[in-house]
Amino acid sequence: MVLHMDSPAPSIQVENWLRGEPLTDVQPGKVYVVEFWATWCGACVTAMPHLMQLQEKYKDSGLEVVGVAASEQAPTAAEAQTKLDAWLTEKCSNLNFRIAFDSTGEMKKFWMEPSFSLGIPTSFVVDRDGQIAFIGHPTELDEVLPKVLNGSWRTSDQAKSADTKRIAKNEPMAREQALKKPINDTFRAAVKTEDWKTALSAIEEGIALMPNNLGFRRAHAHLVLHKMHDMWTGLPLMHQLVRDAIDRNSEDWMIAALDQVFHPNLDHSRFPSAERFAMGKELSEHILALNPPQGDGAKFWSYPAIARYYHESGNKNRAIELIELAMKSLDGPEPIPDELKQRLLRNLLQDLANYQGEKVCYGAHCAAPHPEGAKARSEEEKTKKG
């Protein structure tokens, strides 16, 4: 069943309430904002003070904000709950709305998935009749909430148009995610136990189903080259990935290919050096043509990958220049969540210190050269464009 504007609001199926009184169902006559969020999500964290302001502003009009932590990352549910509680104590000591911890996935199952909601933060607004009035990003609440509160939103052409566009945009991607999930689950479980044969079978199934999916293609090359160490199979895979990335003229695809041959956390010792550097040169030149140094495009995603190629090629000055350009692009016209910006800056500073061979500082942040160079950065900390 598809959840859209005018649908009855699903029930609130939560076992653990970290803040506020438990809520089992929406009450007639009240308006609810049900906000799906997580502590690791920069945009979610940014939205928290805004939600607190909305709760205070409209509490006398019957507004109830309910935060649902349904995507917290931790080895166990107990650890996730402990992490959440500590974060709320430190960051939101004056919180004025309920916080639920969805440890079972029920809220995702009945709210997020049927509405084709692809990620967080996602806000659901439930009106006084218990009907879904809005599904979208919390930044839109300033405009939407007053109209929901006065009863004019759901009947407006603006609301109907917004919901139609949302479904048209998200439904194909949501259905793709549903197809990918069992394949990804099998693949991750196999990788965890180093069952490479099962992992390979899962990825090949994914590619057969979605041959143009970058995630599957990247995982395929990584598995064969860096886990199975099968150069005989892996080299043709890499050549094809490079060719497809360039033919698509896609920065994301080219970065993914470049990472497989130059990321510092990977062992490239088995890779034929001439082929590796030829791939790096071709990919780097195409990325620079697509996103040139003199242009105003965001460079903090792709330039670190290109800088690794130039540094390994012996062109230290070019590598330093590219990292400096990447740092400058952090202050470009497109806003970046502060937490993400600080993480990117720390990574770029570390690269700069490694390449210059001396301590470098930028504002309050400093980095010293690491003896292992960029290999010191963990894979988890490496940020991909969403």
Protein backbone atom coordinates (compact mmCIF):
# COMPACT_ATOMS: atom_id res chain seq x y z
CA MET A 1 0.00 0.00 0.00
CA VAL A 2 1.36 3.40 -1.00
CA LEU A 3 1.47 6.08 1.71
CA HIS A 4 0.76 9.53 0.30
CA MET A 5 -1.06 12.75 1.10
CA ASP A 6 -4.62 11.98 2.29
CA SER A 7 -3.60 8.50 3.53
CA PRO A 8 -4.53 7.71 7.16
CA ALA A 9 -1.45 8.06 9.33
CA PRO A 10 0.03 4.68 10.31
CA SER A 11 0.20 3.81 13.98
CA ILE A 12 3.23 4.72 16.10
CA GLN A 13 4.84 1.33 16.72
CA VAL A 14 7.78 2.03 19.01
CA GLU A 15 9.03 0.07 22.02
CA ASN A 16 11.63 2.51 23.36
CA TRP A 17 10.97 6.16 24.12
CA LEU A 18 14.14 8.02 24.99
CA ARG A 19 12.52 11.38 25.68
CA GLY A 20 8.93 12.33 26.48
CA GLU A 21 5.86 10.25 27.18
CA PRO A 22 5.10 7.20 25.00
CA LEU A 23 2.74 7.75 22.09
CA THR A 24 0.87 4.84 20.51
CA ASP A 25 -1.32 6.68 18.03
CA VAL A 26 -2.00 10.13 16.66
CA GLN A 27 -4.85 11.95 18.42
CA PRO A 28 -7.66 13.72 16.51
CA GLY A 29 -7.49 17.50 16.75
CA LYS A 30 -3.69 17.62 16.96
CA VAL A 31 -1.09 18.15 14.25
CA TYR A 32 2.03 15.97 14.32
CA VAL A 33 5.46 16.22 12.76
CA VAL A 34 6.97 12.72 12.71
CA GLU A 35 10.64 13.24 11.94
CA PHE A 36 12.95 10.37 10.91
CA TRP A 37 16.56 11.16 11.82
CA ALA A 38 19.91 9.82 13.08
CA THR A 39 22.88 11.28 14.94
CA TRP A 40 25.27 10.54 12.04
CA CYS A 41 23.12 12.52 9.57
CA GLY A 42 24.41 16.08 9.29
CA ALA A 43 21.18 17.49 7.87
CA CYS A 44 19.20 15.75 10.65
CA VAL A 45 21.37 17.28 13.34
CA THR A 46 21.02 20.71 11.71
CA ALA A 47 17.23 20.30 11.73
CA MET A 48 16.96 19.55 15.46
CA PRO A 49 17.07 23.17 16.76
CA HIS A 50 14.61 24.13 14.02
CA LEU A 51 12.18 21.43 15.14
CA MET A 52 12.51 22.65 18.73
CA GLN A 53 11.63 26.17 17.57
CA LEU A 54 8.59 24.90 15.68
CA GLN A 55 7.41 22.91 18.71
CA GLU A 56 7.68 25.99 20.91
CA LYS A 57 6.08 28.30 18.34
CA TYR A 58 3.05 26.11 17.61
CA LYS A 59 2.55 24.15 20.84
CA ASP A 60 -0.56 26.20 21.74
CA SER A 61 -1.97 25.42 18.28
CA GLY A 62 -1.83 21.69 18.99
CA LEU A 63 1.52 20.74 17.40
CA GLU A 64 3.38 17.65 18.59
CA VAL A 65 6.83 16.92 17.18
CA VAL A 66 7.97 13.30 17.39
CA GLY A 67 11.54 12.38 16.50
CA VAL A 68 12.05 8.78 15.35
CA ALA A 69 15.61 7.47 15.40
CA ALA A 70 15.23 4.59 12.97
CA SER A 71 18.65 4.49 11.29
CA GLU A 72 21.17 4.67 14.11
CA GLN A 73 24.43 2.84 13.36
CA ALA A 74 25.86 0.54 16.04
CA PRO A 75 26.74 -3.16 16.37
CA THR A 76 23.67 -3.85 18.55
CA ALA A 77 20.35 -2.18 19.34
CA ALA A 78 21.44 -1.73 22.96
CA GLU A 79 24.61 0.08 21.89
CA ALA A 80 22.61 2.24 19.47
CA GLN A 81 20.22 3.22 22.25
CA THR A 82 23.09 4.06 24.61
CA LYS A 83 24.73 6.14 21.89
CA LEU A 84 21.49 7.98 21.18
CA ASP A 85 20.82 8.71 24.84
CA ALA A 86 24.34 10.07 25.34
CA TRP A 87 24.08 12.22 22.22
CA LEU A 88 20.73 13.68 23.29
CA THR A 89 22.06 14.40 26.78
CA GLU A 90 25.09 16.23 25.39
CA LYS A 91 23.61 17.99 22.35
CA CYS A 92 19.93 18.49 23.20
CA SER A 93 19.64 18.88 26.94
CA ASN A 94 16.73 21.31 26.50
CA LEU A 95 14.81 19.15 24.02
CA ASN A 96 11.07 19.93 24.03
CA PHE A 97 9.64 17.05 22.00
CA ARG A 98 9.42 13.25 22.12
CA ILE A 99 12.20 11.00 20.82
CA ALA A 100 11.52 7.38 19.89
CA PHE A 101 14.09 4.69 19.10
CA ASP A 102 12.86 2.34 16.37
CA SER A 103 15.00 -0.69 17.16
CA THR A 104 12.78 -3.19 15.32
CA GLY A 105 12.33 -1.38 12.01
CA GLU A 106 8.55 -1.20 12.35
CA MET A 107 8.39 2.55 11.82
CA LYS A 108 10.52 2.28 8.69
CA LYS A 109 8.29 -0.53 7.45
CA PHE A 110 5.00 1.34 7.92
CA TRP A 111 6.08 4.95 7.32
CA MET A 112 9.25 5.28 5.25
CA GLU A 113 9.02 2.35 2.84
CA PRO A 114 5.36 2.72 1.72
CA SER A 115 5.88 6.46 1.13
CA PHE A 116 8.93 5.91 -1.13
CA SER A 117 11.02 7.96 1.31
CA LEU A 118 14.62 7.32 0.34
CA GLY A 119 16.62 8.83 3.17
CA ILE A 120 16.76 11.02 6.21
CA PRO A 121 15.84 13.54 7.41
CA THR A 122 12.24 12.95 6.34
CA SER A 123 9.30 14.79 7.88
CA PHE A 124 5.75 13.47 7.90
CA VAL A 125 3.06 15.98 8.84
CA VAL A 126 -0.22 14.53 10.12
CA ASP A 127 -3.17 16.92 10.23
CA ARG A 128 -6.01 17.24 12.72
CA ASP A 129 -8.04 14.57 10.89
CA GLY A 130 -5.29 11.98 11.31
CA GLN A 131 -4.43 12.12 7.60
CA ILE A 132 -0.98 12.50 6.05
CA ALA A 133 -0.74 16.10 4.88
CA PHE A 134 2.92 16.34 3.85
CA ILE A 135 5.99 14.14 3.33
CA GLY A 136 9.31 15.84 2.66
CA HIS A 137 12.35 17.64 4.02
CA PRO A 138 12.18 19.52 7.35
CA THR A 139 13.36 22.73 5.67
CA GLU A 140 9.92 22.92 4.02
CA LEU A 141 8.04 22.90 7.32
CA ASP A 142 8.13 26.68 7.80
CA GLU A 143 5.91 27.08 4.76
CA VAL A 144 3.79 23.95 5.18
CA LEU A 145 3.00 23.86 8.90
CA PRO A 146 0.99 27.10 9.20
CA LYS A 147 -1.25 25.95 6.33
CA VAL A 148 -1.71 22.51 7.87
CA LEU A 149 -2.56 24.10 11.21
CA ASN A 150 -5.22 26.34 9.66
CA GLY A 151 -6.61 23.51 7.55
CA SER A 152 -5.84 24.96 4.12
CA TRP A 153 -2.90 22.81 3.03
CA ARG A 154 -4.36 19.45 1.98
CA THR A 155 -6.96 21.02 -0.32
CA SER A 156 -4.47 23.30 -2.06
CA ASP A 157 -3.12 22.76 -5.56
CA GLN A 158 0.36 23.37 -4.17
CA ALA A 159 0.07 20.39 -1.80
CA LYS A 160 -1.29 18.06 -4.47
CA SER A 161 1.38 19.10 -6.95
CA ALA A 162 4.17 18.65 -4.38
CA ASP A 163 3.02 15.15 -3.47
CA THR A 164 2.62 14.09 -7.11
CA LYS A 165 6.14 15.31 -7.94
CA ARG A 166 7.59 13.61 -4.85
CA ILE A 167 6.12 10.23 -5.77
CA ALA A 168 7.10 10.53 -9.44
CA LYS A 169 10.69 11.32 -8.42
CA ASN A 170 11.12 8.82 -5.58
CA GLU A 171 9.08 5.80 -6.61
CA PRO A 172 11.51 4.43 -9.26
CA MET A 173 14.48 4.81 -6.91
CA ALA A 174 12.57 3.29 -3.98
CA ARG A 175 11.59 0.28 -6.06
CA GLU A 176 15.21 -0.10 -7.15
CA GLN A 177 16.31 0.00 -3.51
CA ALA A 178 13.82 -2.76 -2.70
CA LEU A 179 15.26 -4.91 -5.50
CA LYS A 180 18.82 -4.25 -4.34
CA LYS A 181 18.25 -4.94 -0.66
CA PRO A 182 18.28 -8.78 -0.66
CA ILE A 183 21.32 -8.78 -2.95
CA ASN A 184 23.17 -6.31 -0.72
CA ASP A 185 22.22 -8.25 2.40
CA THR A 186 23.60 -11.48 0.93
CA PHE A 187 26.74 -9.73 -0.29
CA ARG A 188 27.49 -8.03 3.05
CA ALA A 189 26.92 -11.22 5.03
CA ALA A 190 29.26 -13.13 2.70
CA VAL A 191 31.96 -10.45 2.90
CA LYS A 192 31.74 -10.51 6.69
CA THR A 193 32.57 -14.24 6.71
CA GLU A 194 35.00 -13.89 3.76
CA ASP A 195 32.87 -16.20 1.67
CA TRP A 196 34.07 -14.66 -1.58
CA LYS A 197 32.32 -17.17 -3.83
CA THR A 198 28.89 -16.28 -2.40
CA ALA A 199 29.74 -12.57 -2.42
CA LEU A 200 30.74 -12.75 -6.08
CA SER A 201 27.56 -14.64 -6.97
CA ALA A 202 25.45 -11.96 -5.25
CA ILE A 203 27.20 -9.10 -7.03
CA GLU A 204 26.95 -10.82 -10.41
CA GLU A 205 23.23 -11.28 -9.77
CA GLY A 206 22.97 -7.56 -9.01
CA ILE A 207 24.82 -6.57 -12.18
CA ALA A 208 22.65 -8.89 -14.28
CA LEU A 209 19.59 -7.18 -12.77
CA MET A 210 20.97 -3.62 -12.91
CA PRO A 211 23.96 -3.45 -15.27
CA ASN A 212 24.22 0.33 -14.94
CA ASN A 213 24.29 0.44 -11.14
CA LEU A 214 27.55 2.04 -10.00
CA GLY A 215 27.40 0.48 -6.54
CA PHE A 216 27.33 -3.05 -7.96
CA ARG A 217 30.03 -2.30 -10.53
CA ARG A 218 32.33 -0.76 -7.94
CA ALA A 219 31.77 -3.64 -5.50
CA HIS A 220 32.46 -6.16 -8.28
CA ALA A 221 35.84 -4.65 -9.15
CA HIS A 222 36.78 -4.22 -5.49
CA LEU A 223 35.85 -7.81 -4.63
CA VAL A 224 37.73 -9.41 -7.51
CA LEU A 225 40.83 -7.21 -7.31
CA HIS A 226 41.25 -6.52 -3.62
CA LYS A 227 39.58 -9.44 -1.84
CA MET A 228 39.97 -12.36 -4.24
CA HIS A 229 43.21 -10.97 -5.75
CA ASP A 230 42.21 -12.34 -9.14
CA MET A 231 44.10 -10.12 -11.57
CA TRP A 232 43.24 -12.32 -14.53
CA THR A 233 39.55 -11.52 -14.08
CA GLY A 234 39.98 -8.16 -12.37
CA LEU A 235 42.04 -6.32 -15.00
CA PRO A 236 39.41 -6.66 -17.74
CA LEU A 237 36.78 -5.57 -15.19
CA MET A 238 38.79 -2.46 -14.38
CA HIS A 239 39.39 -1.61 -18.03
CA GLN A 240 35.66 -1.86 -18.67
CA LEU A 241 34.82 0.23 -15.58
CA VAL A 242 37.25 2.93 -16.71
CA ARG A 243 35.85 2.88 -20.24
CA ASP A 244 32.24 3.07 -19.04
CA ALA A 245 33.06 5.88 -16.59
CA ILE A 246 34.66 7.96 -19.34
CA ASP A 247 31.94 7.19 -21.88
CA ARG A 248 29.34 8.35 -19.34
CA ASN A 249 31.39 11.48 -18.65
CA SER A 250 30.39 10.94 -15.01
CA GLU A 251 32.52 12.32 -12.20
CA ASP A 252 31.05 9.81 -9.74
CA TRP A 253 31.91 6.85 -11.98
CA MET A 254 35.40 8.15 -12.68
CA ILE A 255 36.12 8.69 -8.96
CA ALA A 256 34.90 5.16 -8.24
CA ALA A 257 37.25 3.75 -10.87
CA LEU A 258 40.18 5.90 -9.75
CA ASP A 259 39.72 4.77 -6.14
CA GLN A 260 40.11 1.13 -7.16
CA VAL A 261 43.59 1.79 -8.55
CA PHE A 262 44.89 4.57 -6.27
CA HIS A 263 43.04 4.60 -2.96
CA PRO A 264 45.70 4.47 -0.21
CA ASN A 265 43.81 1.92 1.91
CA LEU A 266 44.08 -0.68 -0.86
CA ASP A 267 47.00 -2.91 -1.75
CA HIS A 268 47.99 -2.29 -5.37
CA SER A 269 51.17 -4.36 -5.32
CA ARG A 270 49.69 -7.06 -7.58
CA PHE A 271 48.42 -4.55 -10.11
CA PRO A 272 50.63 -4.11 -13.20
CA SER A 273 52.20 -0.71 -12.66
CA ALA A 274 52.06 0.50 -16.27
CA GLU A 275 48.36 -0.30 -16.60
CA ARG A 276 47.57 1.20 -13.22
CA PHE A 277 49.23 4.53 -13.99
CA ALA A 278 47.76 4.62 -17.49
CA MET A 279 44.28 4.26 -15.99
CA GLY A 280 45.04 6.92 -13.38
CA LYS A 281 46.29 9.36 -16.01
CA GLU A 282 43.29 8.89 -18.29
CA LEU A 283 40.72 9.17 -15.48
CA SER A 284 42.42 12.20 -13.89
CA GLU A 285 42.59 14.08 -17.17
CA HIS A 286 38.92 13.43 -17.90
CA ILE A 287 37.83 14.53 -14.40
CA LEU A 288 39.88 17.74 -14.73
CA ALA A 289 38.31 18.41 -18.13
CA LEU A 290 34.86 17.90 -16.62
CA ASN A 291 35.59 19.92 -13.47
CA PRO A 292 38.50 22.22 -14.38
CA PRO A 293 40.66 24.03 -11.80
CA GLN A 294 39.52 27.43 -13.05
CA GLY A 295 35.83 26.49 -12.82
CA ASP A 296 33.62 26.97 -9.76
CA GLY A 297 32.48 23.33 -9.44
CA ALA A 298 32.84 21.48 -6.13
CA LYS A 299 36.32 19.97 -6.07
CA PHE A 300 36.40 18.39 -2.61
CA TRP A 301 34.85 15.14 -3.92
CA SER A 302 37.10 14.35 -6.84
CA TYR A 303 40.34 16.30 -6.45
CA PRO A 304 41.69 14.24 -3.52
CA ALA A 305 41.47 11.13 -5.71
CA ILE A 306 43.28 12.87 -8.57
CA ALA A 307 45.90 14.22 -6.15
CA ARG A 308 46.74 10.65 -5.08
CA TYR A 309 47.48 9.74 -8.67
CA TYR A 310 49.73 12.78 -9.20
CA HIS A 311 51.53 12.25 -5.89
CA GLU A 312 52.28 8.61 -6.68
CA SER A 313 53.38 9.67 -10.17
CA GLY A 314 56.01 11.90 -8.60
CA ASN A 315 54.28 15.23 -9.28
CA LYS A 316 54.08 16.40 -5.66
CA ASN A 317 53.45 20.04 -6.56
CA ARG A 318 50.43 19.16 -8.68
CA ALA A 319 49.02 17.02 -5.87
CA ILE A 320 49.42 19.90 -3.38
CA GLU A 321 47.80 22.35 -5.81
CA LEU A 322 44.76 20.08 -6.24
CA ILE A 323 44.28 19.63 -2.49
CA GLU A 324 44.47 23.41 -1.97
CA LEU A 325 41.83 23.90 -4.67
CA ALA A 326 39.66 21.27 -3.00
CA MET A 327 39.93 23.13 0.32
CA LYS A 328 38.92 26.41 -1.29
CA SER A 329 35.87 24.77 -2.85
CA LEU A 330 34.53 23.95 0.63
CA ASP A 331 33.50 27.61 0.78
CA GLY A 332 31.74 27.52 -2.60
CA PRO A 333 28.19 28.65 -3.38
CA GLU A 334 26.59 25.32 -2.44
CA PRO A 335 26.14 25.08 1.37
CA ILE A 336 27.67 22.05 3.10
CA PRO A 337 26.45 20.80 6.51
CA ASP A 338 28.99 21.95 9.08
CA GLU A 339 29.77 18.47 10.44
CA LEU A 340 30.49 17.16 6.93
CA LYS A 341 32.50 20.26 6.07
CA GLN A 342 34.71 19.86 9.13
CA ARG A 343 35.32 16.18 8.35
CA LEU A 344 36.22 16.96 4.75
CA LEU A 345 38.54 19.75 5.89
CA ARG A 346 40.35 17.44 8.33
CA ASN A 347 40.87 14.84 5.60
CA LEU A 348 42.12 17.42 3.10
CA LEU A 349 44.48 18.94 5.67
CA GLN A 350 45.90 15.50 6.41
CA ASP A 351 46.50 14.91 2.70
CA LEU A 352 48.15 18.32 2.40
CA ALA A 353 50.45 17.64 5.37
CA ASN A 354 51.39 14.24 3.94
CA TYR A 355 52.21 15.68 0.52
CA GLN A 356 54.11 18.71 1.85
CA GLY A 357 55.92 16.68 4.50
CA GLU A 358 55.28 19.26 7.20
CA LYS A 359 52.63 20.44 9.62
CA VAL A 360 49.89 22.56 8.07
CA CYS A 361 47.09 24.60 9.61
CA TYR A 362 43.86 26.06 8.34
CA GLY A 363 41.97 28.18 10.83
CA ALA A 364 41.68 26.19 14.06
CA HIS A 365 42.56 22.89 12.36
CA CYS A 366 46.10 21.54 12.04
CA ALA A 367 47.56 18.29 10.72
CA ALA A 368 51.04 16.77 10.83
CA PRO A 369 52.44 14.33 8.27
CA HIS A 370 51.52 10.76 9.06
CA PRO A 371 54.23 8.12 8.62
CA GLU A 372 51.89 6.00 6.56
CA GLY A 373 50.60 8.99 4.59
CA ALA A 374 46.98 8.96 3.60
CA LYS A 375 46.68 5.30 4.61
CA ALA A 376 46.00 6.56 8.12
CA ARG A 377 42.50 7.53 7.09
CA SER A 378 39.96 4.80 7.75
CA GLU A 379 37.63 3.63 4.99
CA GLU A 380 34.63 4.51 7.14
CA GLU A 381 35.71 8.13 7.38
CA LYS A 382 36.03 8.50 3.64
CA THR A 383 32.99 10.46 2.50
CA LYS A 384 31.17 9.76 -0.77
CA LYS A 385 28.85 12.12 -2.57
CA GLY A 386 25.33 11.16 -1.75
